[in-house]
Amino acid sequence: MRYCFPNGQLDMICKDVPEKATPPLKPWFMLEGPVREGYTIAFGHWASLEGKGTPEGILGLDTGCCWGGTLTLLRWEDQQYFHQPSLQKKKS
């Protein structure tokens, strides 16, 4: 799950970066609602984001290690990130 329609219905097809998503799709983390209020949410399985472009309190950890990017780890207690380069060559 990466995208939702404005009414909250899931789209299970689009996997691209938000800039290339077909309107009216929105990344799940851009929908307004009570789920985000008062919480910090860490998520993965969206390598094309490269861990960037999420609102405050939403932490994207997938930085494409299996595609030649990096493995990103988060120490929850102090929200410190650690990165380990992949042993695989970068795939386009």
N, C-alpha and C. Protein backbone atom coordinates (compact mmCIF):
# COMPACT_ATOMS: atom_id res chain seq x y z
N MET A 1 0.84 -1.17 0.00
CA MET A 1 0.00 0.00 0.00
C MET A 1 0.89 1.24 0.00
N ARG A 2 0.67 2.09 -0.98
CA ARG A 2 1.42 3.33 -1.05
C ARG A 2 0.49 4.53 -1.21
N TYR A 3 -0.55 4.34 -1.98
CA TYR A 3 -1.44 5.47 -2.31
C TYR A 3 -2.88 5.21 -1.91
N CYS A 4 -3.58 6.31 -1.72
CA CYS A 4 -5.01 6.28 -1.44
C CYS A 4 -5.71 7.31 -2.31
N PHE A 5 -6.98 7.07 -2.54
CA PHE A 5 -7.84 8.06 -3.17
C PHE A 5 -8.27 9.04 -2.08
N PRO A 6 -8.74 10.24 -2.45
CA PRO A 6 -9.13 11.23 -1.43
C PRO A 6 -10.14 10.71 -0.40
N ASN A 7 -10.96 9.73 -0.78
CA ASN A 7 -11.95 9.19 0.17
C ASN A 7 -11.36 8.13 1.10
N GLY A 8 -10.05 7.85 0.97
CA GLY A 8 -9.39 6.88 1.83
C GLY A 8 -9.28 5.49 1.24
N GLN A 9 -9.93 5.24 0.10
CA GLN A 9 -9.85 3.93 -0.55
C GLN A 9 -8.41 3.67 -1.00
N LEU A 10 -7.94 2.45 -0.79
CA LEU A 10 -6.58 2.08 -1.15
C LEU A 10 -6.41 1.87 -2.65
N ASP A 11 -5.24 2.24 -3.15
CA ASP A 11 -4.82 1.89 -4.50
C ASP A 11 -3.63 0.96 -4.34
N MET A 12 -3.73 -0.24 -4.85
CA MET A 12 -2.67 -1.23 -4.67
C MET A 12 -1.82 -1.39 -5.92
N ILE A 13 -1.94 -0.47 -6.88
CA ILE A 13 -1.24 -0.61 -8.15
C ILE A 13 -0.05 0.34 -8.28
N CYS A 14 -0.25 1.62 -8.04
CA CYS A 14 0.79 2.63 -8.25
C CYS A 14 1.93 2.45 -7.25
N LYS A 15 3.16 2.39 -7.76
CA LYS A 15 4.34 2.21 -6.91
C LYS A 15 5.37 3.31 -7.12
N ASP A 16 5.05 4.29 -7.93
CA ASP A 16 6.00 5.33 -8.31
C ASP A 16 6.18 6.37 -7.21
N VAL A 17 7.08 7.32 -7.44
CA VAL A 17 7.27 8.43 -6.51
C VAL A 17 6.05 9.34 -6.58
N PRO A 18 5.75 10.08 -5.51
CA PRO A 18 4.55 10.92 -5.50
C PRO A 18 4.44 11.90 -6.67
N GLU A 19 5.56 12.42 -7.15
CA GLU A 19 5.53 13.37 -8.26
C GLU A 19 5.00 12.75 -9.55
N LYS A 20 5.08 11.43 -9.67
CA LYS A 20 4.65 10.75 -10.88
C LYS A 20 3.34 9.99 -10.71
N ALA A 21 2.73 10.07 -9.55
CA ALA A 21 1.47 9.35 -9.30
C ALA A 21 0.33 10.00 -10.07
N THR A 22 -0.59 9.18 -10.52
CA THR A 22 -1.75 9.65 -11.26
C THR A 22 -2.74 10.33 -10.32
N PRO A 23 -3.12 11.58 -10.62
CA PRO A 23 -4.17 12.22 -9.79
C PRO A 23 -5.45 11.40 -9.88
N PRO A 24 -6.21 11.34 -8.85
CA PRO A 24 -6.16 12.08 -7.59
C PRO A 24 -5.44 11.34 -6.46
N LEU A 25 -4.59 10.35 -6.80
CA LEU A 25 -3.92 9.56 -5.77
C LEU A 25 -3.02 10.42 -4.89
N LYS A 26 -2.99 10.08 -3.60
CA LYS A 26 -2.11 10.74 -2.64
C LYS A 26 -1.38 9.67 -1.84
N PRO A 27 -0.11 9.93 -1.47
CA PRO A 27 0.56 8.98 -0.58
C PRO A 27 -0.25 8.82 0.71
N TRP A 28 -0.28 7.63 1.25
CA TRP A 28 -1.09 7.37 2.45
C TRP A 28 -0.75 8.33 3.58
N PHE A 29 0.51 8.76 3.66
CA PHE A 29 0.92 9.63 4.76
C PHE A 29 0.53 11.09 4.56
N MET A 30 -0.06 11.43 3.42
CA MET A 30 -0.51 12.80 3.18
C MET A 30 -2.00 12.97 3.47
N LEU A 31 -2.70 11.89 3.76
CA LEU A 31 -4.12 12.01 4.10
C LEU A 31 -4.26 12.55 5.52
N GLU A 32 -5.19 13.45 5.69
CA GLU A 32 -5.45 14.01 7.01
C GLU A 32 -6.26 13.01 7.83
N GLY A 33 -6.09 13.06 9.13
CA GLY A 33 -6.87 12.18 9.99
C GLY A 33 -6.23 12.00 11.34
N PRO A 34 -6.95 11.39 12.24
CA PRO A 34 -6.48 11.24 13.62
C PRO A 34 -5.35 10.24 13.81
N VAL A 35 -5.10 9.40 12.83
CA VAL A 35 -4.07 8.36 12.99
C VAL A 35 -2.70 8.99 13.23
N ARG A 36 -2.39 10.08 12.56
CA ARG A 36 -1.07 10.70 12.67
C ARG A 36 -0.91 11.55 13.92
N GLU A 37 -1.98 12.02 14.49
CA GLU A 37 -1.89 12.96 15.60
C GLU A 37 -1.34 12.28 16.86
N GLY A 38 -0.23 12.80 17.36
CA GLY A 38 0.34 12.28 18.59
C GLY A 38 1.19 11.04 18.46
N TYR A 39 1.46 10.61 17.24
CA TYR A 39 2.25 9.39 17.02
C TYR A 39 3.42 9.68 16.10
N THR A 40 4.44 8.86 16.22
CA THR A 40 5.51 8.80 15.23
C THR A 40 5.37 7.46 14.55
N ILE A 41 5.38 7.47 13.22
CA ILE A 41 5.17 6.25 12.44
C ILE A 41 6.41 5.98 11.60
N ALA A 42 6.99 4.79 11.74
CA ALA A 42 8.10 4.36 10.90
C ALA A 42 7.56 3.33 9.92
N PHE A 43 7.98 3.44 8.66
CA PHE A 43 7.50 2.51 7.64
C PHE A 43 8.60 2.19 6.64
N GLY A 44 8.40 1.13 5.89
CA GLY A 44 9.34 0.72 4.85
C GLY A 44 8.60 0.25 3.62
N HIS A 45 9.31 -0.47 2.76
CA HIS A 45 8.76 -1.06 1.54
C HIS A 45 8.30 -0.01 0.53
N TRP A 46 9.04 1.10 0.43
CA TRP A 46 8.78 2.09 -0.62
C TRP A 46 10.13 2.71 -0.98
N ALA A 47 10.98 1.91 -1.63
CA ALA A 47 12.37 2.28 -1.91
C ALA A 47 12.50 3.52 -2.79
N SER A 48 11.53 3.76 -3.68
CA SER A 48 11.66 4.91 -4.58
C SER A 48 11.62 6.24 -3.84
N LEU A 49 11.13 6.27 -2.61
CA LEU A 49 11.16 7.50 -1.81
C LEU A 49 12.56 7.80 -1.27
N GLU A 50 13.39 6.78 -1.18
CA GLU A 50 14.74 6.91 -0.65
C GLU A 50 14.76 7.55 0.74
N GLY A 51 13.69 7.30 1.52
CA GLY A 51 13.61 7.83 2.88
C GLY A 51 13.34 9.32 2.97
N LYS A 52 12.91 9.95 1.86
CA LYS A 52 12.71 11.41 1.82
C LYS A 52 11.27 11.76 1.49
N GLY A 53 10.92 13.02 1.78
CA GLY A 53 9.64 13.57 1.33
C GLY A 53 8.43 13.25 2.19
N THR A 54 8.66 12.82 3.41
CA THR A 54 7.53 12.52 4.30
C THR A 54 7.34 13.66 5.30
N PRO A 55 6.12 13.84 5.78
CA PRO A 55 5.88 14.89 6.76
C PRO A 55 6.53 14.57 8.11
N GLU A 56 6.61 15.57 8.96
CA GLU A 56 7.16 15.38 10.30
C GLU A 56 6.37 14.29 11.03
N GLY A 57 7.10 13.41 11.70
CA GLY A 57 6.47 12.33 12.44
C GLY A 57 6.23 11.07 11.62
N ILE A 58 6.56 11.11 10.32
CA ILE A 58 6.45 9.94 9.45
C ILE A 58 7.86 9.63 8.95
N LEU A 59 8.38 8.48 9.31
CA LEU A 59 9.78 8.13 9.04
C LEU A 59 9.87 7.01 8.02
N GLY A 60 10.31 7.34 6.82
CA GLY A 60 10.51 6.34 5.77
C GLY A 60 11.89 5.72 5.90
N LEU A 61 11.94 4.42 6.13
CA LEU A 61 13.21 3.75 6.38
C LEU A 61 13.76 3.00 5.18
N ASP A 62 12.97 2.78 4.15
CA ASP A 62 13.43 2.01 2.99
C ASP A 62 14.27 2.91 2.09
N THR A 63 15.56 2.64 2.04
CA THR A 63 16.46 3.42 1.20
C THR A 63 17.11 2.55 0.12
N GLY A 64 16.42 1.48 -0.25
CA GLY A 64 16.78 0.70 -1.42
C GLY A 64 18.02 -0.17 -1.32
N CYS A 65 18.27 -0.76 -0.18
CA CYS A 65 19.46 -1.60 -0.02
C CYS A 65 19.50 -2.73 -1.06
N CYS A 66 18.38 -3.40 -1.28
CA CYS A 66 18.38 -4.52 -2.23
C CYS A 66 18.52 -4.05 -3.68
N TRP A 67 18.41 -2.74 -3.91
CA TRP A 67 18.58 -2.16 -5.25
C TRP A 67 19.93 -1.46 -5.37
N GLY A 68 20.81 -1.65 -4.38
CA GLY A 68 22.12 -1.03 -4.42
C GLY A 68 22.22 0.27 -3.65
N GLY A 69 21.17 0.65 -2.93
CA GLY A 69 21.18 1.88 -2.12
C GLY A 69 21.85 1.64 -0.78
N THR A 70 21.19 2.01 0.29
CA THR A 70 21.73 1.78 1.63
C THR A 70 20.70 1.08 2.50
N LEU A 71 21.20 0.45 3.55
CA LEU A 71 20.34 -0.11 4.58
C LEU A 71 20.24 0.96 5.66
N THR A 72 19.03 1.37 5.99
CA THR A 72 18.84 2.42 6.99
C THR A 72 18.26 1.81 8.25
N LEU A 73 18.90 2.14 9.35
CA LEU A 73 18.44 1.68 10.67
C LEU A 73 18.10 2.90 11.50
N LEU A 74 17.13 2.75 12.37
CA LEU A 74 16.71 3.83 13.25
C LEU A 74 16.77 3.35 14.69
N ARG A 75 17.53 4.07 15.51
CA ARG A 75 17.52 3.79 16.94
C ARG A 75 16.38 4.61 17.53
N TRP A 76 15.33 3.92 17.94
CA TRP A 76 14.08 4.56 18.33
C TRP A 76 14.24 5.54 19.50
N GLU A 77 15.04 5.16 20.48
CA GLU A 77 15.14 5.96 21.71
C GLU A 77 15.53 7.41 21.46
N ASP A 78 16.44 7.64 20.52
CA ASP A 78 16.87 9.02 20.25
C ASP A 78 16.66 9.43 18.79
N GLN A 79 15.95 8.60 18.04
CA GLN A 79 15.62 8.88 16.64
C GLN A 79 16.87 9.10 15.79
N GLN A 80 17.97 8.43 16.13
CA GLN A 80 19.19 8.55 15.35
C GLN A 80 19.21 7.50 14.24
N TYR A 81 19.58 7.95 13.03
CA TYR A 81 19.67 7.07 11.88
C TYR A 81 21.10 6.57 11.70
N PHE A 82 21.21 5.34 11.20
CA PHE A 82 22.49 4.75 10.83
C PHE A 82 22.31 4.19 9.43
N HIS A 83 23.36 4.31 8.60
CA HIS A 83 23.27 3.88 7.21
C HIS A 83 24.44 2.95 6.89
N GLN A 84 24.12 1.86 6.21
CA GLN A 84 25.13 0.91 5.76
C GLN A 84 24.99 0.76 4.24
N PRO A 85 26.03 1.11 3.48
CA PRO A 85 25.94 0.95 2.03
C PRO A 85 25.68 -0.51 1.65
N SER A 86 24.93 -0.68 0.58
CA SER A 86 24.63 -2.02 0.08
C SER A 86 25.89 -2.67 -0.47
N LEU A 87 25.92 -3.98 -0.41
CA LEU A 87 27.01 -4.73 -1.02
C LEU A 87 26.74 -5.00 -2.49
N GLN A 88 25.54 -4.64 -2.95
CA GLN A 88 25.17 -4.82 -4.35
C GLN A 88 25.41 -3.53 -5.12
N LYS A 89 25.65 -3.67 -6.43
CA LYS A 89 25.79 -2.49 -7.28
C LYS A 89 24.43 -1.83 -7.45
N LYS A 90 24.44 -0.51 -7.59
CA LYS A 90 23.21 0.27 -7.76
C LYS A 90 22.52 -0.15 -9.05
N LYS A 91 21.20 -0.44 -8.95
CA LYS A 91 20.40 -0.80 -10.11
C LYS A 91 19.60 0.41 -10.55
N SER A 92 19.46 0.59 -11.84
CA SER A 92 18.70 1.74 -12.37
C SER A 92 17.24 1.47 -12.41
